[in-house]
């Protein structure tokens, strides 16, 4: 089954539109250089924070992407609009 990397963070409402544009650009670049990203889902939680879940084909592709993404110029501008970032990885156990 697939693996996921989940980020939880806050984005100021005034920055949301710009953040979404930067996030889309980052996802596009990641897909170009790192095969295996199947989909990315952004959810606004009831407390106003965002949960950003990126689904990968397997652990190897997630790990390779993690190394590659660290040096991408798109990362700092996108993440500059977030605060209180936390990250977790996990494996999909059941998907229907």
N, C-alpha and C. Protein backbone atom coordinates (compact mmCIF):
# COMPACT_ATOMS: atom_id res chain seq x y z
N UNK A 1 0.84 -1.18 0.00
CA UNK A 1 0.00 0.00 0.00
C UNK A 1 0.88 1.25 0.00
N UNK A 2 0.26 2.36 -0.23
CA UNK A 2 0.98 3.62 -0.34
C UNK A 2 1.40 4.14 1.03
N UNK A 3 2.27 5.14 0.99
CA UNK A 3 2.70 5.83 2.20
C UNK A 3 2.31 7.29 2.08
N UNK A 4 2.20 7.95 3.22
CA UNK A 4 1.81 9.36 3.21
C UNK A 4 2.77 10.16 4.08
N UNK A 5 2.94 11.40 3.71
CA UNK A 5 3.60 12.39 4.56
C UNK A 5 2.55 13.46 4.81
N UNK A 6 2.29 13.70 6.09
CA UNK A 6 1.27 14.66 6.48
C UNK A 6 1.92 15.84 7.18
N UNK A 7 1.59 17.03 6.71
CA UNK A 7 2.05 18.27 7.33
C UNK A 7 0.83 18.95 7.93
N UNK A 8 0.97 19.47 9.13
CA UNK A 8 -0.08 20.27 9.74
C UNK A 8 0.52 21.64 10.03
N UNK A 9 -0.19 22.69 9.66
CA UNK A 9 0.33 24.05 9.84
C UNK A 9 -0.80 25.05 9.79
N UNK A 10 -0.47 26.29 10.10
CA UNK A 10 -1.40 27.41 10.00
C UNK A 10 -0.97 28.31 8.85
N UNK A 11 -1.94 28.95 8.23
CA UNK A 11 -1.70 29.96 7.20
C UNK A 11 -2.66 31.11 7.49
N UNK A 12 -2.13 32.32 7.53
CA UNK A 12 -3.00 33.48 7.75
C UNK A 12 -3.99 33.59 6.60
N UNK A 13 -5.22 33.93 6.93
CA UNK A 13 -6.26 34.03 5.90
C UNK A 13 -5.86 34.97 4.77
N UNK A 14 -5.18 36.05 5.10
CA UNK A 14 -4.74 37.01 4.09
C UNK A 14 -3.70 36.42 3.14
N UNK A 15 -3.00 35.36 3.57
CA UNK A 15 -1.95 34.73 2.76
C UNK A 15 -2.42 33.48 2.03
N UNK A 16 -3.66 33.05 2.26
CA UNK A 16 -4.09 31.75 1.75
C UNK A 16 -4.03 31.66 0.23
N UNK A 17 -4.53 32.64 -0.48
CA UNK A 17 -4.52 32.57 -1.95
C UNK A 17 -3.10 32.44 -2.48
N UNK A 18 -2.19 33.24 -1.95
CA UNK A 18 -0.79 33.17 -2.38
C UNK A 18 -0.18 31.83 -1.99
N UNK A 19 -0.49 31.35 -0.80
CA UNK A 19 0.02 30.06 -0.38
C UNK A 19 -0.44 28.95 -1.32
N UNK A 20 -1.72 28.95 -1.67
CA UNK A 20 -2.24 27.92 -2.57
C UNK A 20 -1.54 27.95 -3.93
N UNK A 21 -1.25 29.13 -4.43
CA UNK A 21 -0.53 29.24 -5.70
C UNK A 21 0.89 28.69 -5.57
N UNK A 22 1.56 29.03 -4.48
CA UNK A 22 2.93 28.54 -4.27
C UNK A 22 2.93 27.03 -4.04
N UNK A 23 1.95 26.53 -3.31
CA UNK A 23 1.83 25.09 -3.07
C UNK A 23 1.63 24.35 -4.39
N UNK A 24 0.77 24.89 -5.25
CA UNK A 24 0.53 24.26 -6.56
C UNK A 24 1.81 24.21 -7.38
N UNK A 25 2.57 25.29 -7.36
CA UNK A 25 3.85 25.31 -8.07
C UNK A 25 4.82 24.28 -7.52
N UNK A 26 4.87 24.17 -6.21
CA UNK A 26 5.75 23.20 -5.57
C UNK A 26 5.34 21.77 -5.94
N UNK A 27 4.06 21.49 -5.88
CA UNK A 27 3.58 20.15 -6.25
C UNK A 27 3.93 19.83 -7.70
N UNK A 28 3.76 20.80 -8.59
CA UNK A 28 4.11 20.59 -10.00
C UNK A 28 5.57 20.26 -10.18
N UNK A 29 6.43 20.99 -9.49
CA UNK A 29 7.87 20.74 -9.58
C UNK A 29 8.22 19.37 -9.01
N UNK A 30 7.65 19.04 -7.87
CA UNK A 30 7.91 17.73 -7.26
C UNK A 30 7.50 16.62 -8.21
N UNK A 31 6.37 16.75 -8.85
CA UNK A 31 5.93 15.71 -9.79
C UNK A 31 6.87 15.58 -10.98
N UNK A 32 7.46 16.69 -11.41
CA UNK A 32 8.40 16.65 -12.54
C UNK A 32 9.68 15.91 -12.18
N UNK A 33 10.17 16.11 -10.97
CA UNK A 33 11.48 15.54 -10.63
C UNK A 33 11.42 14.29 -9.76
N UNK A 34 10.28 14.02 -9.17
CA UNK A 34 10.16 12.89 -8.23
C UNK A 34 8.94 12.05 -8.59
N UNK A 35 9.11 11.02 -9.39
CA UNK A 35 7.95 10.18 -9.70
C UNK A 35 7.43 9.50 -8.44
N UNK A 36 6.15 9.24 -8.43
CA UNK A 36 5.57 8.50 -7.33
C UNK A 36 4.59 9.26 -6.47
N UNK A 37 4.48 10.58 -6.64
CA UNK A 37 3.47 11.34 -5.90
C UNK A 37 2.14 11.09 -6.59
N UNK A 38 1.24 10.37 -5.93
CA UNK A 38 -0.03 10.02 -6.56
C UNK A 38 -1.08 11.11 -6.39
N UNK A 39 -1.12 11.73 -5.23
CA UNK A 39 -2.02 12.86 -5.03
C UNK A 39 -1.67 13.59 -3.73
N UNK A 40 -2.09 14.84 -3.68
CA UNK A 40 -1.88 15.68 -2.50
C UNK A 40 -3.21 16.31 -2.14
N UNK A 41 -3.56 16.24 -0.86
CA UNK A 41 -4.86 16.73 -0.40
C UNK A 41 -4.64 17.74 0.72
N UNK A 42 -5.25 18.91 0.59
CA UNK A 42 -5.18 19.94 1.63
C UNK A 42 -6.55 20.09 2.25
N UNK A 43 -6.61 19.96 3.57
CA UNK A 43 -7.87 20.04 4.31
C UNK A 43 -7.75 21.14 5.35
N UNK A 44 -8.77 21.98 5.46
CA UNK A 44 -8.81 22.92 6.58
C UNK A 44 -9.57 22.25 7.72
N UNK A 45 -8.94 22.15 8.86
CA UNK A 45 -9.53 21.50 10.02
C UNK A 45 -10.42 22.48 10.78
N UNK A 46 -11.24 21.94 11.67
CA UNK A 46 -12.18 22.76 12.43
C UNK A 46 -11.49 23.85 13.25
N UNK A 47 -10.25 23.61 13.66
CA UNK A 47 -9.54 24.61 14.47
C UNK A 47 -8.86 25.68 13.62
N UNK A 48 -9.04 25.61 12.29
CA UNK A 48 -8.47 26.60 11.40
C UNK A 48 -7.11 26.24 10.84
N UNK A 49 -6.48 25.18 11.36
CA UNK A 49 -5.20 24.75 10.81
C UNK A 49 -5.46 23.94 9.54
N UNK A 50 -4.38 23.64 8.83
CA UNK A 50 -4.47 22.88 7.59
C UNK A 50 -3.71 21.57 7.74
N UNK A 51 -4.26 20.52 7.16
CA UNK A 51 -3.60 19.23 7.08
C UNK A 51 -3.35 18.96 5.60
N UNK A 52 -2.07 18.84 5.26
CA UNK A 52 -1.63 18.66 3.88
C UNK A 52 -1.05 17.26 3.77
N UNK A 53 -1.73 16.37 3.07
CA UNK A 53 -1.33 14.97 3.01
C UNK A 53 -0.91 14.63 1.59
N UNK A 54 0.34 14.20 1.46
CA UNK A 54 0.90 13.82 0.17
C UNK A 54 1.03 12.30 0.14
N UNK A 55 0.41 11.68 -0.84
CA UNK A 55 0.38 10.22 -0.97
C UNK A 55 1.44 9.78 -1.99
N UNK A 56 2.25 8.82 -1.59
CA UNK A 56 3.34 8.31 -2.43
C UNK A 56 3.14 6.83 -2.70
N UNK A 57 3.66 6.37 -3.84
CA UNK A 57 3.53 4.96 -4.22
C UNK A 57 4.19 4.03 -3.21
N UNK A 58 5.35 4.42 -2.68
CA UNK A 58 6.06 3.57 -1.73
C UNK A 58 7.05 4.40 -0.92
N UNK A 59 7.62 3.76 0.10
CA UNK A 59 8.54 4.44 1.00
C UNK A 59 9.78 4.94 0.26
N UNK A 60 10.30 4.15 -0.66
CA UNK A 60 11.50 4.56 -1.39
C UNK A 60 11.30 5.85 -2.16
N UNK A 61 10.15 6.00 -2.79
CA UNK A 61 9.88 7.23 -3.54
C UNK A 61 9.67 8.42 -2.60
N UNK A 62 9.04 8.20 -1.47
CA UNK A 62 8.88 9.26 -0.48
C UNK A 62 10.24 9.72 0.03
N UNK A 63 11.10 8.78 0.37
CA UNK A 63 12.42 9.12 0.88
C UNK A 63 13.26 9.84 -0.16
N UNK A 64 13.22 9.39 -1.41
CA UNK A 64 13.96 10.06 -2.48
C UNK A 64 13.45 11.47 -2.69
N UNK A 65 12.14 11.63 -2.65
CA UNK A 65 11.55 12.96 -2.81
C UNK A 65 11.94 13.88 -1.66
N UNK A 66 11.97 13.34 -0.45
CA UNK A 66 12.35 14.15 0.71
C UNK A 66 13.75 14.72 0.54
N UNK A 67 14.66 13.91 0.04
CA UNK A 67 16.03 14.40 -0.20
C UNK A 67 16.05 15.45 -1.30
N UNK A 68 15.31 15.22 -2.37
CA UNK A 68 15.31 16.14 -3.51
C UNK A 68 14.62 17.46 -3.18
N UNK A 69 13.52 17.39 -2.45
CA UNK A 69 12.72 18.59 -2.15
C UNK A 69 13.48 19.56 -1.27
N UNK A 70 14.35 19.05 -0.42
CA UNK A 70 15.08 19.92 0.51
C UNK A 70 15.83 21.05 -0.20
N UNK A 71 16.27 20.81 -1.42
CA UNK A 71 17.02 21.83 -2.15
C UNK A 71 16.24 22.62 -3.17
N UNK A 72 14.94 22.40 -3.26
CA UNK A 72 14.14 23.10 -4.27
C UNK A 72 13.93 24.56 -3.90
N UNK A 73 14.10 25.46 -4.86
CA UNK A 73 13.89 26.88 -4.56
C UNK A 73 12.43 27.23 -4.28
N UNK A 74 11.49 26.37 -4.65
CA UNK A 74 10.07 26.64 -4.40
C UNK A 74 9.67 26.43 -2.94
N UNK A 75 10.48 25.68 -2.19
CA UNK A 75 10.10 25.34 -0.82
C UNK A 75 10.09 26.54 0.12
N UNK A 76 11.19 27.31 0.23
CA UNK A 76 11.18 28.42 1.19
C UNK A 76 10.05 29.43 0.99
N UNK A 77 9.75 29.87 -0.25
CA UNK A 77 8.65 30.83 -0.39
C UNK A 77 7.29 30.26 0.02
N UNK A 78 7.04 29.00 -0.28
CA UNK A 78 5.76 28.39 0.10
C UNK A 78 5.67 28.25 1.62
N UNK A 79 6.72 27.73 2.22
CA UNK A 79 6.68 27.47 3.66
C UNK A 79 6.80 28.75 4.48
N UNK A 80 7.27 29.83 3.89
CA UNK A 80 7.35 31.11 4.60
C UNK A 80 5.97 31.61 5.00
N UNK A 81 4.94 31.15 4.32
CA UNK A 81 3.58 31.58 4.62
C UNK A 81 2.89 30.70 5.65
N UNK A 82 3.61 29.71 6.18
CA UNK A 82 3.04 28.82 7.19
C UNK A 82 3.68 29.09 8.54
N UNK A 83 3.00 28.61 9.59
CA UNK A 83 3.61 28.63 10.93
C UNK A 83 3.13 27.40 11.68
N UNK A 84 3.85 27.08 12.74
CA UNK A 84 3.51 25.93 13.60
C UNK A 84 3.47 24.62 12.81
N UNK A 85 4.48 24.39 11.99
CA UNK A 85 4.55 23.20 11.14
C UNK A 85 4.91 21.96 11.95
N UNK A 86 4.18 20.89 11.69
CA UNK A 86 4.56 19.56 12.19
C UNK A 86 4.42 18.58 11.03
N UNK A 87 5.23 17.53 11.05
CA UNK A 87 5.25 16.56 9.96
C UNK A 87 5.20 15.15 10.54
N UNK A 88 4.43 14.27 9.88
CA UNK A 88 4.39 12.86 10.25
C UNK A 88 4.31 12.03 8.98
N UNK A 89 4.94 10.85 9.03
CA UNK A 89 4.84 9.88 7.94
C UNK A 89 4.01 8.70 8.42
N UNK A 90 3.36 8.03 7.49
CA UNK A 90 2.58 6.84 7.84
C UNK A 90 2.35 5.96 6.63
N UNK A 91 1.86 4.76 6.89
CA UNK A 91 1.54 3.79 5.85
C UNK A 91 0.03 3.61 5.79
N UNK A 92 -0.51 3.57 4.60
CA UNK A 92 -1.93 3.33 4.43
C UNK A 92 -2.20 1.87 4.79
N UNK A 93 -3.14 1.65 5.69
CA UNK A 93 -3.49 0.32 6.15
C UNK A 93 -4.72 -0.20 5.41
N UNK A 94 -5.65 0.69 5.13
CA UNK A 94 -6.89 0.30 4.45
C UNK A 94 -7.36 1.48 3.62
N UNK A 95 -7.69 1.21 2.38
CA UNK A 95 -8.17 2.27 1.48
C UNK A 95 -9.27 1.66 0.63
N UNK A 96 -10.41 2.31 0.59
CA UNK A 96 -11.54 1.75 -0.16
C UNK A 96 -12.04 2.74 -1.17
